[in-house]
């Protein structure tokens, strides 16, 4: 199994604005046509720590993730998102080893 996952951990008192920014980014990305993009993204709120959030972003490979990071629209999105955060953001870079759908 190949793949790469990035977990972005952040705090914000403006979750609705972060969500709207993410929706705007996805719509613009879809409109721009094919290119390097994540395979899947999950936005999560920490139930035990209000104001604490995680974005879990899956890519086909590490190389795809790095190419995505170099895109101008990704840089603009990240800059705007950091402006909505209440402190530093933590990035976790993970090689995907295995996935399983549990039924």
PDB file of N, CA and C in Angstrom:
ATOM      1  N   UNK A   1       0.850  -1.174   0.000  1.00  0.00           N
ATOM      2  CA  UNK A   1       0.000   0.000   0.000  1.00  0.00           C
ATOM      3  C   UNK A   1       0.890   1.229   0.000  1.00  0.00           C
ATOM      4  N   UNK A   2       0.686   2.083  -0.940  1.00  0.00           N
ATOM      5  CA  UNK A   2       1.412   3.348  -0.985  1.00  0.00           C
ATOM      6  C   UNK A   2       0.438   4.459  -0.634  1.00  0.00           C
ATOM      7  N   UNK A   3       0.961   5.531  -0.176  1.00  0.00           N
ATOM      8  CA  UNK A   3       0.138   6.689   0.130  1.00  0.00           C
ATOM      9  C   UNK A   3       0.810   7.545   1.172  1.00  0.00           C
ATOM     10  N   UNK A   4       0.210   8.691   1.408  1.00  0.00           N
ATOM     11  CA  UNK A   4       0.761   9.657   2.347  1.00  0.00           C
ATOM     12  C   UNK A   4      -0.402  10.389   2.993  1.00  0.00           C
ATOM     13  N   UNK A   5      -0.290  10.614   4.286  1.00  0.00           N
ATOM     14  CA  UNK A   5      -1.328  11.318   5.032  1.00  0.00           C
ATOM     15  C   UNK A   5      -0.684  12.463   5.791  1.00  0.00           C
ATOM     16  N   UNK A   6      -1.320  13.614   5.737  1.00  0.00           N
ATOM     17  CA  UNK A   6      -0.869  14.748   6.526  1.00  0.00           C
ATOM     18  C   UNK A   6      -1.984  15.106   7.500  1.00  0.00           C
ATOM     19  N   UNK A   7      -1.631  15.223   8.768  1.00  0.00           N
ATOM     20  CA  UNK A   7      -2.572  15.665   9.791  1.00  0.00           C
ATOM     21  C   UNK A   7      -2.179  17.083  10.178  1.00  0.00           C
ATOM     22  N   UNK A   8      -3.138  17.994  10.040  1.00  0.00           N
ATOM     23  CA  UNK A   8      -2.921  19.398  10.372  1.00  0.00           C
ATOM     24  C   UNK A   8      -3.736  19.681  11.623  1.00  0.00           C
ATOM     25  N   UNK A   9      -3.045  19.996  12.697  1.00  0.00           N
ATOM     26  CA  UNK A   9      -3.669  20.237  13.995  1.00  0.00           C
ATOM     27  C   UNK A   9      -3.628  21.732  14.282  1.00  0.00           C
ATOM     28  N   UNK A  10      -4.789  22.294  14.645  1.00  0.00           N
ATOM     29  CA  UNK A  10      -4.843  23.734  14.875  1.00  0.00           C
ATOM     30  C   UNK A  10      -5.937  24.098  15.867  1.00  0.00           C
ATOM     31  N   UNK A  11      -5.842  25.302  16.394  1.00  0.00           N
ATOM     32  CA  UNK A  11      -6.855  25.858  17.279  1.00  0.00           C
ATOM     33  C   UNK A  11      -7.412  27.108  16.628  1.00  0.00           C
ATOM     34  N   UNK A  12      -8.730  27.286  16.759  1.00  0.00           N
ATOM     35  CA  UNK A  12      -9.345  28.495  16.234  1.00  0.00           C
ATOM     36  C   UNK A  12     -10.636  28.799  16.987  1.00  0.00           C
ATOM     37  N   UNK A  13     -10.904  30.070  17.122  1.00  0.00           N
ATOM     38  CA  UNK A  13     -12.179  30.518  17.666  1.00  0.00           C
ATOM     39  C   UNK A  13     -13.105  30.913  16.511  1.00  0.00           C
ATOM     40  N   UNK A  14     -12.667  30.613  15.277  1.00  0.00           N
ATOM     41  CA  UNK A  14     -13.422  30.963  14.076  1.00  0.00           C
ATOM     42  C   UNK A  14     -13.644  29.733  13.187  1.00  0.00           C
ATOM     43  N   UNK A  15     -14.216  28.662  13.736  1.00  0.00           N
ATOM     44  CA  UNK A  15     -14.350  27.431  12.939  1.00  0.00           C
ATOM     45  C   UNK A  15     -15.236  27.597  11.706  1.00  0.00           C
ATOM     46  N   UNK A  16     -16.262  28.437  11.795  1.00  0.00           N
ATOM     47  CA  UNK A  16     -17.130  28.629  10.636  1.00  0.00           C
ATOM     48  C   UNK A  16     -16.388  29.319   9.507  1.00  0.00           C
ATOM     49  N   UNK A  17     -15.499  30.245   9.842  1.00  0.00           N
ATOM     50  CA  UNK A  17     -14.704  30.923   8.821  1.00  0.00           C
ATOM     51  C   UNK A  17     -13.685  29.973   8.198  1.00  0.00           C
ATOM     52  N   UNK A  18     -13.089  29.098   9.019  1.00  0.00           N
ATOM     53  CA  UNK A  18     -12.150  28.099   8.493  1.00  0.00           C
ATOM     54  C   UNK A  18     -12.887  27.160   7.543  1.00  0.00           C
ATOM     55  N   UNK A  19     -14.068  26.744   7.939  1.00  0.00           N
ATOM     56  CA  UNK A  19     -14.857  25.837   7.103  1.00  0.00           C
ATOM     57  C   UNK A  19     -15.222  26.495   5.773  1.00  0.00           C
ATOM     58  N   UNK A  20     -15.657  27.754   5.821  1.00  0.00           N
ATOM     59  CA  UNK A  20     -16.012  28.482   4.601  1.00  0.00           C
ATOM     60  C   UNK A  20     -14.793  28.639   3.693  1.00  0.00           C
ATOM     61  N   UNK A  21     -13.644  28.912   4.282  1.00  0.00           N
ATOM     62  CA  UNK A  21     -12.413  29.031   3.505  1.00  0.00           C
ATOM     63  C   UNK A  21     -12.092  27.704   2.818  1.00  0.00           C
ATOM     64  N   UNK A  22     -12.240  26.598   3.534  1.00  0.00           N
ATOM     65  CA  UNK A  22     -11.998  25.278   2.953  1.00  0.00           C
ATOM     66  C   UNK A  22     -12.945  24.973   1.806  1.00  0.00           C
ATOM     67  N   UNK A  23     -14.213  25.333   1.958  1.00  0.00           N
ATOM     68  CA  UNK A  23     -15.184  25.117   0.884  1.00  0.00           C
ATOM     69  C   UNK A  23     -14.833  25.951  -0.344  1.00  0.00           C
ATOM     70  N   UNK A  24     -14.440  27.192  -0.116  1.00  0.00           N
ATOM     71  CA  UNK A  24     -14.036  28.064  -1.216  1.00  0.00           C
ATOM     72  C   UNK A  24     -12.821  27.481  -1.943  1.00  0.00           C
ATOM     73  N   UNK A  25     -11.854  26.998  -1.175  1.00  0.00           N
ATOM     74  CA  UNK A  25     -10.651  26.399  -1.751  1.00  0.00           C
ATOM     75  C   UNK A  25     -11.011  25.186  -2.611  1.00  0.00           C
ATOM     76  N   UNK A  26     -11.863  24.296  -2.090  1.00  0.00           N
ATOM     77  CA  UNK A  26     -12.243  23.096  -2.841  1.00  0.00           C
ATOM     78  C   UNK A  26     -12.980  23.453  -4.128  1.00  0.00           C
ATOM     79  N   UNK A  27     -13.891  24.426  -4.066  1.00  0.00           N
ATOM     80  CA  UNK A  27     -14.628  24.834  -5.272  1.00  0.00           C
ATOM     81  C   UNK A  27     -13.678  25.409  -6.312  1.00  0.00           C
ATOM     82  N   UNK A  28     -12.757  26.252  -5.874  1.00  0.00           N
ATOM     83  CA  UNK A  28     -11.783  26.836  -6.810  1.00  0.00           C
ATOM     84  C   UNK A  28     -10.878  25.764  -7.397  1.00  0.00           C
ATOM     85  N   UNK A  29     -10.493  24.799  -6.586  1.00  0.00           N
ATOM     86  CA  UNK A  29      -9.629  23.715  -7.061  1.00  0.00           C
ATOM     87  C   UNK A  29     -10.351  22.880  -8.097  1.00  0.00           C
ATOM     88  N   UNK A  30     -11.610  22.548  -7.834  1.00  0.00           N
ATOM     89  CA  UNK A  30     -12.393  21.768  -8.797  1.00  0.00           C
ATOM     90  C   UNK A  30     -12.550  22.518 -10.119  1.00  0.00           C
ATOM     91  N   UNK A  31     -12.764  23.820 -10.037  1.00  0.00           N
ATOM     92  CA  UNK A  31     -12.958  24.637 -11.236  1.00  0.00           C
ATOM     93  C   UNK A  31     -11.679  24.779 -12.058  1.00  0.00           C
ATOM     94  N   UNK A  32     -10.518  24.620 -11.403  1.00  0.00           N
ATOM     95  CA  UNK A  32      -9.250  24.801 -12.114  1.00  0.00           C
ATOM     96  C   UNK A  32      -8.873  23.593 -12.959  1.00  0.00           C
ATOM     97  N   UNK A  33      -9.618  22.502 -12.841  1.00  0.00           N
ATOM     98  CA  UNK A  33      -9.360  21.328 -13.666  1.00  0.00           C
ATOM     99  C   UNK A  33      -8.384  20.366 -13.016  1.00  0.00           C
ATOM    100  N   UNK A  34      -7.917  19.392 -13.786  1.00  0.00           N
ATOM    101  CA  UNK A  34      -7.046  18.360 -13.231  1.00  0.00           C
ATOM    102  C   UNK A  34      -5.708  18.915 -12.749  1.00  0.00           C
ATOM    103  N   UNK A  35      -5.166  18.221 -11.797  1.00  0.00           N
ATOM    104  CA  UNK A  35      -3.879  18.602 -11.226  1.00  0.00           C
ATOM    105  C   UNK A  35      -3.676  17.843  -9.930  1.00  0.00           C
ATOM    106  N   UNK A  36      -2.625  18.165  -9.248  1.00  0.00           N
ATOM    107  CA  UNK A  36      -2.311  17.497  -8.002  1.00  0.00           C
ATOM    108  C   UNK A  36      -3.296  17.929  -6.926  1.00  0.00           C
ATOM    109  N   UNK A  37      -3.988  16.970  -6.351  1.00  0.00           N
ATOM    110  CA  UNK A  37      -4.955  17.241  -5.299  1.00  0.00           C
ATOM    111  C   UNK A  37      -4.995  16.068  -4.340  1.00  0.00           C
ATOM    112  N   UNK A  38      -5.489  16.309  -3.149  1.00  0.00           N
ATOM    113  CA  UNK A  38      -5.651  15.200  -2.207  1.00  0.00           C
ATOM    114  C   UNK A  38      -6.645  14.162  -2.719  1.00  0.00           C
ATOM    115  N   UNK A  39      -6.493  12.945  -2.233  1.00  0.00           N
ATOM    116  CA  UNK A  39      -7.423  11.863  -2.516  1.00  0.00           C
ATOM    117  C   UNK A  39      -8.655  12.015  -1.635  1.00  0.00           C
ATOM    118  N   UNK A  40      -8.424  12.405  -0.384  1.00  0.00           N
ATOM    119  CA  UNK A  40      -9.492  12.482   0.613  1.00  0.00           C
ATOM    120  C   UNK A  40      -9.094  13.471   1.681  1.00  0.00           C
ATOM    121  N   UNK A  41     -10.109  14.117   2.286  1.00  0.00           N
ATOM    122  CA  UNK A  41      -9.859  15.031   3.394  1.00  0.00           C
ATOM    123  C   UNK A  41     -10.959  14.840   4.430  1.00  0.00           C
ATOM    124  N   UNK A  42     -10.567  14.834   5.679  1.00  0.00           N
ATOM    125  CA  UNK A  42     -11.517  14.792   6.783  1.00  0.00           C
ATOM    126  C   UNK A  42     -11.230  15.972   7.697  1.00  0.00           C
ATOM    127  N   UNK A  43     -12.266  16.710   8.048  1.00  0.00           N
ATOM    128  CA  UNK A  43     -12.146  17.808   9.004  1.00  0.00           C
ATOM    129  C   UNK A  43     -12.772  17.323  10.311  1.00  0.00           C
ATOM    130  N   UNK A  44     -12.001  17.411  11.389  1.00  0.00           N
ATOM    131  CA  UNK A  44     -12.441  16.860  12.670  1.00  0.00           C
ATOM    132  C   UNK A  44     -12.325  17.896  13.784  1.00  0.00           C
ATOM    133  N   UNK A  45     -13.262  17.847  14.717  1.00  0.00           N
ATOM    134  CA  UNK A  45     -13.224  18.691  15.909  1.00  0.00           C
ATOM    135  C   UNK A  45     -12.935  17.795  17.111  1.00  0.00           C
ATOM    136  N   UNK A  46     -12.059  18.243  17.975  1.00  0.00           N
ATOM    137  CA  UNK A  46     -11.702  17.488  19.180  1.00  0.00           C
ATOM    138  C   UNK A  46     -12.837  17.631  20.193  1.00  0.00           C
ATOM    139  N   UNK A  47     -13.533  16.563  20.430  1.00  0.00           N
ATOM    140  CA  UNK A  47     -14.684  16.552  21.333  1.00  0.00           C
ATOM    141  C   UNK A  47     -14.292  16.921  22.765  1.00  0.00           C
ATOM    142  N   UNK A  48     -13.080  16.563  23.166  1.00  0.00           N
ATOM    143  CA  UNK A  48     -12.628  16.796  24.546  1.00  0.00           C
ATOM    144  C   UNK A  48     -11.904  18.120  24.732  1.00  0.00           C
ATOM    145  N   UNK A  49     -11.631  18.828  23.662  1.00  0.00           N
ATOM    146  CA  UNK A  49     -10.868  20.072  23.726  1.00  0.00           C
ATOM    147  C   UNK A  49     -11.484  21.086  22.761  1.00  0.00           C
ATOM    148  N   UNK A  50     -12.527  21.796  23.193  1.00  0.00           N
ATOM    149  CA  UNK A  50     -13.212  22.737  22.303  1.00  0.00           C
ATOM    150  C   UNK A  50     -12.239  23.758  21.689  1.00  0.00           C
ATOM    151  N   UNK A  51     -12.472  24.045  20.424  1.00  0.00           N
ATOM    152  CA  UNK A  51     -11.618  24.992  19.713  1.00  0.00           C
ATOM    153  C   UNK A  51     -10.400  24.352  19.079  1.00  0.00           C
ATOM    154  N   UNK A  52     -10.249  23.045  19.251  1.00  0.00           N
ATOM    155  CA  UNK A  52      -9.099  22.284  18.754  1.00  0.00           C
ATOM    156  C   UNK A  52      -9.581  21.420  17.586  1.00  0.00           C
ATOM    157  N   UNK A  53      -8.870  21.489  16.453  1.00  0.00           N
ATOM    158  CA  UNK A  53      -9.322  20.831  15.234  1.00  0.00           C
ATOM    159  C   UNK A  53      -8.181  20.095  14.538  1.00  0.00           C
ATOM    160  N   UNK A  54      -8.573  19.148  13.698  1.00  0.00           N
ATOM    161  CA  UNK A  54      -7.634  18.370  12.895  1.00  0.00           C
ATOM    162  C   UNK A  54      -8.175  18.266  11.477  1.00  0.00           C
ATOM    163  N   UNK A  55      -7.338  18.509  10.499  1.00  0.00           N
ATOM    164  CA  UNK A  55      -7.640  18.161   9.116  1.00  0.00           C
ATOM    165  C   UNK A  55      -6.744  16.994   8.762  1.00  0.00           C
ATOM    166  N   UNK A  56      -7.346  15.925   8.304  1.00  0.00           N
ATOM    167  CA  UNK A  56      -6.611  14.731   7.913  1.00  0.00           C
ATOM    168  C   UNK A  56      -6.721  14.631   6.398  1.00  0.00           C
ATOM    169  N   UNK A  57      -5.579  14.761   5.728  1.00  0.00           N
ATOM    170  CA  UNK A  57      -5.562  14.869   4.270  1.00  0.00           C
ATOM    171  C   UNK A  57      -4.743  13.711   3.696  1.00  0.00           C
ATOM    172  N   UNK A  58      -5.366  12.943   2.814  1.00  0.00           N
ATOM    173  CA  UNK A  58      -4.708  11.784   2.205  1.00  0.00           C
ATOM    174  C   UNK A  58      -4.317  12.100   0.765  1.00  0.00           C
ATOM    175  N   UNK A  59      -3.109  11.695   0.406  1.00  0.00           N
ATOM    176  CA  UNK A  59      -2.588  11.860  -0.950  1.00  0.00           C
ATOM    177  C   UNK A  59      -2.183  10.494  -1.499  1.00  0.00           C
ATOM    178  N   UNK A  60      -2.101  10.395  -2.811  1.00  0.00           N
ATOM    179  CA  UNK A  60      -1.681   9.144  -3.443  1.00  0.00           C
ATOM    180  C   UNK A  60      -0.242   8.787  -3.091  1.00  0.00           C
ATOM    181  N   UNK A  61       0.584   9.822  -2.869  1.00  0.00           N
ATOM    182  CA  UNK A  61       1.997   9.583  -2.545  1.00  0.00           C
ATOM    183  C   UNK A  61       2.579  10.822  -1.868  1.00  0.00           C
ATOM    184  N   UNK A  62       3.733  10.651  -1.281  1.00  0.00           N
ATOM    185  CA  UNK A  62       4.460  11.786  -0.698  1.00  0.00           C
ATOM    186  C   UNK A  62       4.761  12.828  -1.775  1.00  0.00           C
ATOM    187  N   UNK A  63       5.165  12.344  -2.944  1.00  0.00           N
ATOM    188  CA  UNK A  63       5.508  13.250  -4.040  1.00  0.00           C
ATOM    189  C   UNK A  63       4.295  14.092  -4.464  1.00  0.00           C
ATOM    190  N   UNK A  64       3.120  13.477  -4.503  1.00  0.00           N
ATOM    191  CA  UNK A  64       1.891  14.210  -4.839  1.00  0.00           C
ATOM    192  C   UNK A  64       1.611  15.277  -3.778  1.00  0.00           C
ATOM    193  N   UNK A  65       1.823  14.926  -2.524  1.00  0.00           N
ATOM    194  CA  UNK A  65       1.598  15.885  -1.440  1.00  0.00           C
ATOM    195  C   UNK A  65       2.544  17.071  -1.563  1.00  0.00           C
ATOM    196  N   UNK A  66       3.805  16.818  -1.869  1.00  0.00           N
ATOM    197  CA  UNK A  66       4.771  17.901  -1.993  1.00  0.00           C
ATOM    198  C   UNK A  66       4.457  18.784  -3.204  1.00  0.00           C
ATOM    199  N   UNK A  67       4.017  18.169  -4.298  1.00  0.00           N
ATOM    200  CA  UNK A  67       3.624  18.946  -5.476  1.00  0.00           C
ATOM    201  C   UNK A  67       2.405  19.807  -5.141  1.00  0.00           C
ATOM    202  N   UNK A  68       1.474  19.260  -4.382  1.00  0.00           N
ATOM    203  CA  UNK A  68       0.309  20.027  -3.955  1.00  0.00           C
ATOM    204  C   UNK A  68       0.729  21.207  -3.081  1.00  0.00           C
ATOM    205  N   UNK A  69       1.686  20.982  -2.192  1.00  0.00           N
ATOM    206  CA  UNK A  69       2.161  22.043  -1.300  1.00  0.00           C
ATOM    207  C   UNK A  69       2.795  23.193  -2.064  1.00  0.00           C
ATOM    208  N   UNK A  70       3.356  22.908  -3.225  1.00  0.00           N
ATOM    209  CA  UNK A  70       4.040  23.924  -4.020  1.00  0.00           C
ATOM    210  C   UNK A  70       3.094  24.745  -4.889  1.00  0.00           C
ATOM    211  N   UNK A  71       1.837  24.348  -4.966  1.00  0.00           N
ATOM    212  CA  UNK A  71       0.870  25.091  -5.783  1.00  0.00           C
ATOM    213  C   UNK A  71       0.579  26.450  -5.152  1.00  0.00           C
ATOM    214  N   UNK A  72       0.427  27.460  -5.977  1.00  0.00           N
ATOM    215  CA  UNK A  72       0.145  28.816  -5.492  1.00  0.00           C
ATOM    216  C   UNK A  72      -1.173  28.884  -4.732  1.00  0.00           C
ATOM    217  N   UNK A  73      -2.188  28.147  -5.203  1.00  0.00           N
ATOM    218  CA  UNK A  73      -3.478  28.198  -4.518  1.00  0.00           C
ATOM    219  C   UNK A  73      -3.408  27.542  -3.143  1.00  0.00           C
ATOM    220  N   UNK A  74      -2.574  26.514  -3.003  1.00  0.00           N
ATOM    221  CA  UNK A  74      -2.392  25.878  -1.696  1.00  0.00           C
ATOM    222  C   UNK A  74      -1.694  26.837  -0.742  1.00  0.00           C
ATOM    223  N   UNK A  75      -0.671  27.523  -1.230  1.00  0.00           N
ATOM    224  CA  UNK A  75       0.051  28.498  -0.405  1.00  0.00           C
ATOM    225  C   UNK A  75      -0.872  29.608   0.057  1.00  0.00           C
ATOM    226  N   UNK A  76      -1.695  30.111  -0.850  1.00  0.00           N
ATOM    227  CA  UNK A  76      -2.647  31.170  -0.492  1.00  0.00           C
ATOM    228  C   UNK A  76      -3.653  30.675   0.549  1.00  0.00           C
ATOM    229  N   UNK A  77      -4.174  29.465   0.339  1.00  0.00           N
ATOM    230  CA  UNK A  77      -5.117  28.882   1.299  1.00  0.00           C
ATOM    231  C   UNK A  77      -4.477  28.754   2.678  1.00  0.00           C
ATOM    232  N   UNK A  78      -3.271  28.206   2.732  1.00  0.00           N
ATOM    233  CA  UNK A  78      -2.580  28.003   4.017  1.00  0.00           C
ATOM    234  C   UNK A  78      -2.345  29.335   4.727  1.00  0.00           C
ATOM    235  N   UNK A  79      -1.954  30.350   3.986  1.00  0.00           N
ATOM    236  CA  UNK A  79      -1.721  31.671   4.577  1.00  0.00           C
ATOM    237  C   UNK A  79      -3.009  32.223   5.175  1.00  0.00           C
ATOM    238  N   UNK A  80      -4.089  32.131   4.412  1.00  0.00           N
ATOM    239  CA  UNK A  80      -5.367  32.641   4.896  1.00  0.00           C
ATOM    240  C   UNK A  80      -5.869  31.829   6.087  1.00  0.00           C
ATOM    241  N   UNK A  81      -5.653  30.530   6.070  1.00  0.00           N
ATOM    242  CA  UNK A  81      -6.088  29.699   7.186  1.00  0.00           C
ATOM    243  C   UNK A  81      -5.318  30.034   8.466  1.00  0.00           C
ATOM    244  N   UNK A  82      -4.015  30.233   8.336  1.00  0.00           N
ATOM    245  CA  UNK A  82      -3.202  30.555   9.510  1.00  0.00           C
ATOM    246  C   UNK A  82      -3.662  31.866  10.157  1.00  0.00           C
ATOM    247  N   UNK A  83      -4.176  32.777   9.358  1.00  0.00           N
ATOM    248  CA  UNK A  83      -4.693  34.033   9.891  1.00  0.00           C
ATOM    249  C   UNK A  83      -5.942  33.813  10.751  1.00  0.00           C
ATOM    250  N   UNK A  84      -6.627  32.701  10.541  1.00  0.00           N
ATOM    251  CA  UNK A  84      -7.832  32.379  11.309  1.00  0.00           C
ATOM    252  C   UNK A  84      -7.534  31.520  12.539  1.00  0.00           C
ATOM    253  N   UNK A  85      -6.288  31.092  12.675  1.00  0.00           N
ATOM    254  CA  UNK A  85      -5.901  30.229  13.803  1.00  0.00           C
ATOM    255  C   UNK A  85      -5.509  31.063  15.022  1.00  0.00           C
ATOM    256  N   UNK A  86      -5.699  30.470  16.190  1.00  0.00           N
ATOM    257  CA  UNK A  86      -5.391  31.130  17.466  1.00  0.00           C
ATOM    258  C   UNK A  86      -4.031  30.717  18.024  1.00  0.00           C
ATOM    259  N   UNK A  87      -3.148  30.301  17.179  1.00  0.00           N
ATOM    260  CA  UNK A  87      -1.823  29.877  17.619  1.00  0.00           C
ATOM    261  C   UNK A  87      -1.163  29.082  16.516  1.00  0.00           C
ATOM    262  N   UNK A  88      -0.025  28.493  16.831  1.00  0.00           N
ATOM    263  CA  UNK A  88       0.710  27.741  15.810  1.00  0.00           C
ATOM    264  C   UNK A  88      -0.029  26.484  15.379  1.00  0.00           C
ATOM    265  N   UNK A  89       0.247  26.080  14.160  1.00  0.00           N
ATOM    266  CA  UNK A  89      -0.325  24.873  13.583  1.00  0.00           C
ATOM    267  C   UNK A  89       0.737  23.783  13.593  1.00  0.00           C
ATOM    268  N   UNK A  90       0.305  22.552  13.870  1.00  0.00           N
ATOM    269  CA  UNK A  90       1.220  21.416  13.881  1.00  0.00           C
ATOM    270  C   UNK A  90       0.900  20.514  12.694  1.00  0.00           C
ATOM    271  N   UNK A  91       1.934  20.107  11.974  1.00  0.00           N
ATOM    272  CA  UNK A  91       1.783  19.210  10.837  1.00  0.00           C
ATOM    273  C   UNK A  91       2.412  17.866  11.178  1.00  0.00           C
ATOM    274  N   UNK A  92       1.698  16.798  10.907  1.00  0.00           N
ATOM    275  CA  UNK A  92       2.220  15.437  11.052  1.00  0.00           C
ATOM    276  C   UNK A  92       2.241  14.828   9.654  1.00  0.00           C
ATOM    277  N   UNK A  93       3.383  14.328   9.238  1.00  0.00           N
ATOM    278  CA  UNK A  93       3.559  13.738   7.911  1.00  0.00           C
ATOM    279  C   UNK A  93       3.741  12.238   8.061  1.00  0.00           C
ATOM    280  N   UNK A  94       2.800  11.490   7.506  1.00  0.00           N
ATOM    281  CA  UNK A  94       2.734  10.053   7.749  1.00  0.00           C
ATOM    282  C   UNK A  94       2.719   9.254   6.451  1.00  0.00           C
ATOM    283  N   UNK A  95       3.538   8.226   6.383  1.00  0.00           N
ATOM    284  CA  UNK A  95       3.458   7.270   5.275  1.00  0.00           C
ATOM    285  C   UNK A  95       2.300   6.336   5.570  1.00  0.00           C
ATOM    286  N   UNK A  96       1.401   6.206   4.611  1.00  0.00           N
ATOM    287  CA  UNK A  96       0.234   5.349   4.769  1.00  0.00           C
ATOM    288  C   UNK A  96       0.657   3.908   4.570  1.00  0.00           C
ATOM    289  N   UNK A  97       0.428   3.089   5.555  1.00  0.00           N
ATOM    290  CA  UNK A  97       0.822   1.676   5.499  1.00  0.00           C
ATOM    291  C   UNK A  97      -0.334   0.751   5.138  1.00  0.00           C
ATOM    292  N   UNK A  98      -1.517   1.081   5.660  1.00  0.00           N
ATOM    293  CA  UNK A  98      -2.643   0.175   5.459  1.00  0.00           C
ATOM    294  C   UNK A  98      -3.943   0.905   5.735  1.00  0.00           C
ATOM    295  N   UNK A  99      -4.973   0.561   5.003  1.00  0.00           N
ATOM    296  CA  UNK A  99      -6.317   1.051   5.310  1.00  0.00           C
ATOM    297  C   UNK A  99      -7.254  -0.149   5.316  1.00  0.00           C
ATOM    298  N   UNK A 100      -8.325  -0.037   6.047  1.00  0.00           N
ATOM    299  CA  UNK A 100      -9.325  -1.096   6.093  1.00  0.00           C
ATOM    300  C   UNK A 100     -10.682  -0.464   6.336  1.00  0.00           C
ATOM    301  N   UNK A 101     -11.681  -0.910   5.617  1.00  0.00           N
ATOM    302  CA  UNK A 101     -13.058  -0.486   5.843  1.00  0.00           C
ATOM    303  C   UNK A 101     -13.682  -1.517   6.783  1.00  0.00           C
ATOM    304  N   UNK A 102     -14.166  -1.044   7.891  1.00  0.00           N
ATOM    305  CA  UNK A 102     -14.752  -1.937   8.894  1.00  0.00           C
ATOM    306  C   UNK A 102     -16.271  -1.894   8.747  1.00  0.00           C
ATOM    307  N   UNK A 103     -16.867  -3.061   8.625  1.00  0.00           N
ATOM    308  CA  UNK A 103     -18.326  -3.106   8.482  1.00  0.00           C
ATOM    309  C   UNK A 103     -18.975  -3.818   9.644  1.00  0.00           C
TER     310      UNK A 103
END
